Amino acid sequence: MLGRDRVSSLRRAALDRETEVLHQEVDIDDDVLVHRLLFAPREEVTLDLRELELKVAARQDRRVYLGGAFVEHAADDDEA
């Protein structure tokens, strides 16, 4: 799972209308897809993915658009 720190960083980025993805990179490490995101004006998040469903949508710019709600799924063994 993402863990509290990563979820908090993603929440702050999603709730700030000025947030923009400055840089992203993807690596494969031991069969895990590692996606690193650098947001402006702040926040940096690394996501470790074992499965991925990708949906691509055209955007006029790189701002993060707020949806209906921020949804998070957490397990009891989530890292802090």
Protein backbone atom coordinates (compact mmCIF):
# COMPACT_ATOMS: atom_id res chain seq x y z
CA MET A 1 0.00 0.00 0.00
CA LEU A 2 0.97 3.64 -0.27
CA GLY A 3 1.47 4.43 3.40
CA ARG A 4 0.34 7.49 5.33
CA ASP A 5 3.16 9.80 4.18
CA ARG A 6 2.61 9.10 0.49
CA VAL A 7 -1.16 9.44 0.81
CA SER A 8 -0.71 12.76 2.65
CA SER A 9 1.62 14.06 -0.08
CA LEU A 10 -0.79 13.00 -2.82
CA ARG A 11 -3.72 14.55 -0.95
CA ARG A 12 -1.88 17.89 -0.58
CA ALA A 13 -0.99 17.87 -4.29
CA ALA A 14 -4.55 16.97 -5.33
CA LEU A 15 -6.17 19.62 -3.15
CA ASP A 16 -3.92 22.50 -4.29
CA ARG A 17 -5.27 24.03 -7.50
CA GLU A 18 -1.80 25.42 -8.33
CA THR A 19 -0.20 21.95 -8.31
CA GLU A 20 1.56 20.95 -11.50
CA VAL A 21 3.58 17.84 -12.39
CA LEU A 22 7.09 19.15 -13.06
CA HIS A 23 8.80 15.84 -13.73
CA GLN A 24 8.06 12.15 -13.71
CA GLU A 25 10.15 9.06 -14.28
CA VAL A 26 9.45 5.35 -14.42
CA ASP A 27 11.83 2.50 -13.62
CA ILE A 28 11.46 -1.26 -13.22
CA ASP A 29 13.09 -2.65 -10.09
CA ASP A 30 12.71 -6.38 -9.25
CA ASP A 31 9.48 -6.71 -11.29
CA VAL A 32 8.00 -3.62 -9.61
CA LEU A 33 7.16 -0.52 -11.64
CA VAL A 34 8.51 2.51 -9.75
CA HIS A 35 6.86 5.81 -10.73
CA ARG A 36 8.38 8.99 -9.28
CA LEU A 37 6.44 12.27 -9.48
CA LEU A 38 7.76 15.74 -8.69
CA PHE A 39 4.96 18.25 -8.15
CA ALA A 40 5.22 22.05 -8.07
CA PRO A 41 5.04 24.07 -5.94
CA ARG A 42 5.89 21.19 -3.55
CA GLU A 43 5.63 17.43 -2.98
CA GLU A 44 7.54 14.48 -4.35
CA VAL A 45 6.00 11.01 -4.39
CA THR A 46 7.27 7.55 -5.35
CA LEU A 47 4.71 4.89 -6.24
CA ASP A 48 5.67 1.21 -6.30
CA LEU A 49 3.27 -0.65 -8.61
CA ARG A 50 2.86 -4.37 -9.12
CA GLU A 51 -0.18 -3.89 -11.41
CA LEU A 52 -1.18 -0.96 -13.57
CA GLU A 53 -4.22 0.05 -15.59
CA LEU A 54 -3.42 3.07 -17.74
CA LYS A 55 -6.02 5.50 -19.08
CA VAL A 56 -4.81 8.48 -21.12
CA ALA A 57 -6.82 11.69 -21.53
CA ALA A 58 -5.88 14.83 -23.45
CA ARG A 59 -5.22 17.90 -21.29
CA GLN A 60 -4.81 21.55 -22.23
CA ASP A 61 -2.09 21.99 -19.60
CA ARG A 62 -0.30 20.07 -16.85
CA ARG A 63 -2.38 21.22 -13.87
CA VAL A 64 -4.01 18.65 -11.61
CA TYR A 65 -7.79 18.79 -11.94
CA LEU A 66 -9.86 18.00 -8.88
CA GLY A 67 -12.42 15.24 -9.30
CA GLY A 68 -15.53 14.61 -7.22
CA ALA A 69 -13.56 13.39 -4.21
CA PHE A 70 -10.16 12.21 -3.09
CA VAL A 71 -10.48 8.46 -2.55
CA GLU A 72 -7.95 6.39 -0.66
CA HIS A 73 -7.83 2.69 0.06
CA ALA A 74 -5.71 1.57 2.99
CA ALA A 75 -4.95 -1.78 4.55
CA ASP A 76 -4.29 -2.45 8.24
CA ASP A 77 -0.65 -3.27 7.47
CA ASP A 78 -0.12 0.06 5.65
CA GLU A 79 3.34 1.51 6.24
CA ALA A 80 3.67 4.77 8.13
